[in-house]
Amino acid sequence: MKRKKFEDSILRLEEIINQLENKELTLDNSLKLFQEGVELYKHCNQKLESAEAKITMILSENSTTCEVPFEERTNNGI
């Protein structure tokens, strides 16, 4: 897969989801789209993990060591 921007990958992933929800696709086309979607998911997940690692590094360099898992931050309004 050629290198894509995170935002472009998310938009394409949304398009794929919409197409897969359309029940008029052939099985072969559905499988191709599903495979592309899995690759895009992996790409986006890697980008997010990289961004999280960079943020953690920046915070630790600035002696701000308050690591809270992402799920807790969104649920607690942090």
N, C-alpha and C. Protein backbone atom coordinates (compact mmCIF):
# COMPACT_ATOMS: atom_id res chain seq x y z
N MET A 1 0.85 -1.18 0.00
CA MET A 1 0.00 0.00 0.00
C MET A 1 0.89 1.23 0.00
N LYS A 2 0.61 2.14 -0.91
CA LYS A 2 1.40 3.37 -0.91
C LYS A 2 1.05 4.20 0.31
N ARG A 3 2.00 5.02 0.71
CA ARG A 3 1.85 5.81 1.93
C ARG A 3 0.72 6.83 1.74
N LYS A 4 -0.24 6.82 2.67
CA LYS A 4 -1.38 7.73 2.61
C LYS A 4 -1.45 8.54 3.89
N LYS A 5 -2.10 9.67 3.78
CA LYS A 5 -2.37 10.47 4.97
C LYS A 5 -3.43 9.75 5.82
N PHE A 6 -3.34 9.95 7.11
CA PHE A 6 -4.29 9.34 8.03
C PHE A 6 -5.73 9.73 7.66
N GLU A 7 -5.95 11.01 7.44
CA GLU A 7 -7.30 11.50 7.14
C GLU A 7 -7.85 10.90 5.85
N ASP A 8 -7.00 10.77 4.84
CA ASP A 8 -7.43 10.16 3.58
C ASP A 8 -7.79 8.69 3.78
N SER A 9 -7.01 8.02 4.62
CA SER A 9 -7.26 6.60 4.89
C SER A 9 -8.59 6.42 5.62
N ILE A 10 -8.87 7.30 6.57
CA ILE A 10 -10.14 7.22 7.31
C ILE A 10 -11.32 7.45 6.36
N LEU A 11 -11.20 8.44 5.48
CA LEU A 11 -12.28 8.70 4.53
C LEU A 11 -12.51 7.50 3.62
N ARG A 12 -11.44 6.89 3.14
CA ARG A 12 -11.57 5.72 2.28
C ARG A 12 -12.18 4.56 3.05
N LEU A 13 -11.78 4.40 4.30
CA LEU A 13 -12.34 3.34 5.12
C LEU A 13 -13.85 3.53 5.30
N GLU A 14 -14.29 4.76 5.49
CA GLU A 14 -15.72 5.05 5.59
C GLU A 14 -16.45 4.71 4.30
N GLU A 15 -15.81 5.03 3.15
CA GLU A 15 -16.40 4.68 1.86
C GLU A 15 -16.57 3.17 1.72
N ILE A 16 -15.55 2.44 2.13
CA ILE A 16 -15.60 0.98 2.04
C ILE A 16 -16.71 0.43 2.91
N ILE A 17 -16.84 0.95 4.12
CA ILE A 17 -17.91 0.49 5.01
C ILE A 17 -19.27 0.72 4.37
N ASN A 18 -19.46 1.90 3.80
CA ASN A 18 -20.74 2.20 3.13
C ASN A 18 -20.99 1.26 1.96
N GLN A 19 -19.95 0.96 1.19
CA GLN A 19 -20.11 0.04 0.06
C GLN A 19 -20.42 -1.37 0.53
N LEU A 20 -19.76 -1.80 1.60
CA LEU A 20 -20.00 -3.15 2.11
C LEU A 20 -21.41 -3.29 2.69
N GLU A 21 -21.95 -2.20 3.19
CA GLU A 21 -23.32 -2.24 3.71
C GLU A 21 -24.34 -2.36 2.58
N ASN A 22 -23.93 -2.03 1.37
CA ASN A 22 -24.77 -2.18 0.18
C ASN A 22 -24.81 -3.66 -0.18
N LYS A 23 -25.94 -4.25 -0.14
CA LYS A 23 -26.05 -5.69 -0.34
C LYS A 23 -26.03 -6.08 -1.82
N GLU A 24 -25.75 -5.14 -2.70
CA GLU A 24 -25.75 -5.44 -4.12
C GLU A 24 -24.37 -5.80 -4.66
N LEU A 25 -23.35 -5.84 -3.81
CA LEU A 25 -22.00 -6.19 -4.24
C LEU A 25 -21.88 -7.69 -4.45
N THR A 26 -21.01 -8.06 -5.36
CA THR A 26 -20.72 -9.48 -5.53
C THR A 26 -19.82 -9.92 -4.38
N LEU A 27 -19.72 -11.22 -4.21
CA LEU A 27 -18.87 -11.76 -3.16
C LEU A 27 -17.41 -11.37 -3.40
N ASP A 28 -16.95 -11.47 -4.64
CA ASP A 28 -15.57 -11.11 -4.96
C ASP A 28 -15.28 -9.64 -4.66
N ASN A 29 -16.18 -8.76 -5.05
CA ASN A 29 -15.99 -7.34 -4.77
C ASN A 29 -16.02 -7.06 -3.27
N SER A 30 -16.90 -7.75 -2.57
CA SER A 30 -16.97 -7.58 -1.12
C SER A 30 -15.66 -8.01 -0.46
N LEU A 31 -15.10 -9.12 -0.91
CA LEU A 31 -13.85 -9.59 -0.34
C LEU A 31 -12.70 -8.64 -0.64
N LYS A 32 -12.66 -8.08 -1.84
CA LYS A 32 -11.61 -7.12 -2.19
C LYS A 32 -11.72 -5.87 -1.32
N LEU A 33 -12.93 -5.39 -1.16
CA LEU A 33 -13.13 -4.20 -0.33
C LEU A 33 -12.80 -4.49 1.13
N PHE A 34 -13.18 -5.67 1.60
CA PHE A 34 -12.87 -6.04 2.98
C PHE A 34 -11.37 -6.08 3.20
N GLN A 35 -10.64 -6.67 2.26
CA GLN A 35 -9.19 -6.74 2.38
C GLN A 35 -8.57 -5.34 2.39
N GLU A 36 -9.04 -4.47 1.50
CA GLU A 36 -8.55 -3.09 1.49
C GLU A 36 -8.85 -2.41 2.82
N GLY A 37 -10.04 -2.65 3.35
CA GLY A 37 -10.42 -2.06 4.63
C GLY A 37 -9.52 -2.52 5.77
N VAL A 38 -9.17 -3.79 5.79
CA VAL A 38 -8.29 -4.31 6.83
C VAL A 38 -6.92 -3.65 6.73
N GLU A 39 -6.41 -3.49 5.51
CA GLU A 39 -5.11 -2.83 5.32
C GLU A 39 -5.16 -1.38 5.77
N LEU A 40 -6.25 -0.69 5.44
CA LEU A 40 -6.41 0.70 5.88
C LEU A 40 -6.51 0.79 7.40
N TYR A 41 -7.23 -0.15 8.00
CA TYR A 41 -7.34 -0.18 9.46
C TYR A 41 -5.96 -0.32 10.09
N LYS A 42 -5.16 -1.25 9.58
CA LYS A 42 -3.81 -1.46 10.12
C LYS A 42 -2.98 -0.19 9.98
N HIS A 43 -3.07 0.46 8.82
CA HIS A 43 -2.34 1.70 8.57
C HIS A 43 -2.75 2.78 9.58
N CYS A 44 -4.05 2.96 9.76
CA CYS A 44 -4.55 3.98 10.68
C CYS A 44 -4.16 3.66 12.12
N ASN A 45 -4.24 2.40 12.49
CA ASN A 45 -3.88 1.99 13.84
C ASN A 45 -2.40 2.25 14.11
N GLN A 46 -1.54 1.98 13.14
CA GLN A 46 -0.11 2.25 13.29
C GLN A 46 0.14 3.74 13.46
N LYS A 47 -0.57 4.56 12.67
CA LYS A 47 -0.42 6.02 12.79
C LYS A 47 -0.83 6.49 14.18
N LEU A 48 -1.95 5.97 14.70
CA LEU A 48 -2.42 6.37 16.02
C LEU A 48 -1.45 5.93 17.11
N GLU A 49 -0.93 4.71 17.00
CA GLU A 49 0.04 4.24 17.99
C GLU A 49 1.31 5.08 17.96
N SER A 50 1.74 5.47 16.77
CA SER A 50 2.92 6.31 16.63
C SER A 50 2.69 7.68 17.25
N ALA A 51 1.52 8.24 17.02
CA ALA A 51 1.19 9.55 17.59
C ALA A 51 1.12 9.47 19.11
N GLU A 52 0.54 8.40 19.63
CA GLU A 52 0.46 8.24 21.08
C GLU A 52 1.86 8.11 21.68
N ALA A 53 2.74 7.38 21.03
CA ALA A 53 4.12 7.22 21.52
C ALA A 53 4.84 8.56 21.51
N LYS A 54 4.61 9.34 20.46
CA LYS A 54 5.25 10.65 20.37
C LYS A 54 4.75 11.58 21.48
N ILE A 55 3.46 11.55 21.74
CA ILE A 55 2.89 12.39 22.80
C ILE A 55 3.46 11.98 24.15
N THR A 56 3.54 10.67 24.39
CA THR A 56 4.11 10.17 25.65
C THR A 56 5.55 10.64 25.79
N MET A 57 6.33 10.58 24.71
CA MET A 57 7.71 11.00 24.74
C MET A 57 7.81 12.49 25.06
N ILE A 58 6.99 13.30 24.41
CA ILE A 58 7.01 14.75 24.64
C ILE A 58 6.67 15.06 26.09
N LEU A 59 5.65 14.39 26.60
CA LEU A 59 5.26 14.63 27.99
C LEU A 59 6.36 14.20 28.96
N SER A 60 7.01 13.08 28.69
CA SER A 60 8.06 12.63 29.60
C SER A 60 9.29 13.52 29.51
N GLU A 61 9.57 14.08 28.34
CA GLU A 61 10.69 15.02 28.19
C GLU A 61 10.46 16.30 28.96
N ASN A 62 9.21 16.65 29.12
CA ASN A 62 8.87 17.87 29.84
C ASN A 62 8.49 17.60 31.29
N SER A 63 8.90 16.44 31.78
CA SER A 63 8.65 16.03 33.17
C SER A 63 7.18 16.01 33.54
N THR A 64 6.35 15.79 32.57
CA THR A 64 4.92 15.65 32.81
C THR A 64 4.59 14.18 32.65
N THR A 65 4.65 13.46 33.74
CA THR A 65 4.47 12.01 33.67
C THR A 65 3.10 11.63 34.21
N CYS A 66 2.10 12.03 33.51
CA CYS A 66 0.73 11.71 33.89
C CYS A 66 0.11 10.92 32.75
N GLU A 67 0.47 9.64 32.66
CA GLU A 67 -0.05 8.81 31.60
C GLU A 67 -1.39 8.23 32.01
N VAL A 68 -2.42 8.52 31.22
CA VAL A 68 -3.75 7.98 31.45
C VAL A 68 -4.15 7.28 30.17
N PRO A 69 -4.56 6.01 30.23
CA PRO A 69 -4.99 5.33 29.01
C PRO A 69 -6.07 6.12 28.28
N PHE A 70 -6.04 6.06 26.97
CA PHE A 70 -6.95 6.85 26.15
C PHE A 70 -8.41 6.61 26.53
N GLU A 71 -8.77 5.36 26.78
CA GLU A 71 -10.16 5.04 27.11
C GLU A 71 -10.61 5.77 28.37
N GLU A 72 -9.73 5.84 29.36
CA GLU A 72 -10.07 6.53 30.61
C GLU A 72 -10.20 8.04 30.38
N ARG A 73 -9.36 8.59 29.53
CA ARG A 73 -9.41 10.04 29.27
C ARG A 73 -10.73 10.41 28.63
N THR A 74 -11.21 9.62 27.68
CA THR A 74 -12.45 9.99 26.99
C THR A 74 -13.66 9.74 27.88
N ASN A 75 -13.60 8.72 28.73
CA ASN A 75 -14.74 8.42 29.60
C ASN A 75 -14.84 9.35 30.80
N ASN A 76 -13.72 9.88 31.24
CA ASN A 76 -13.71 10.77 32.40
C ASN A 76 -13.67 12.25 32.03
N GLY A 77 -13.74 12.55 30.76
CA GLY A 77 -13.72 13.94 30.33
C GLY A 77 -12.38 14.59 30.40
N ILE A 78 -11.30 13.82 30.49
CA ILE A 78 -9.96 14.38 30.56
C ILE A 78 -9.50 14.73 29.17
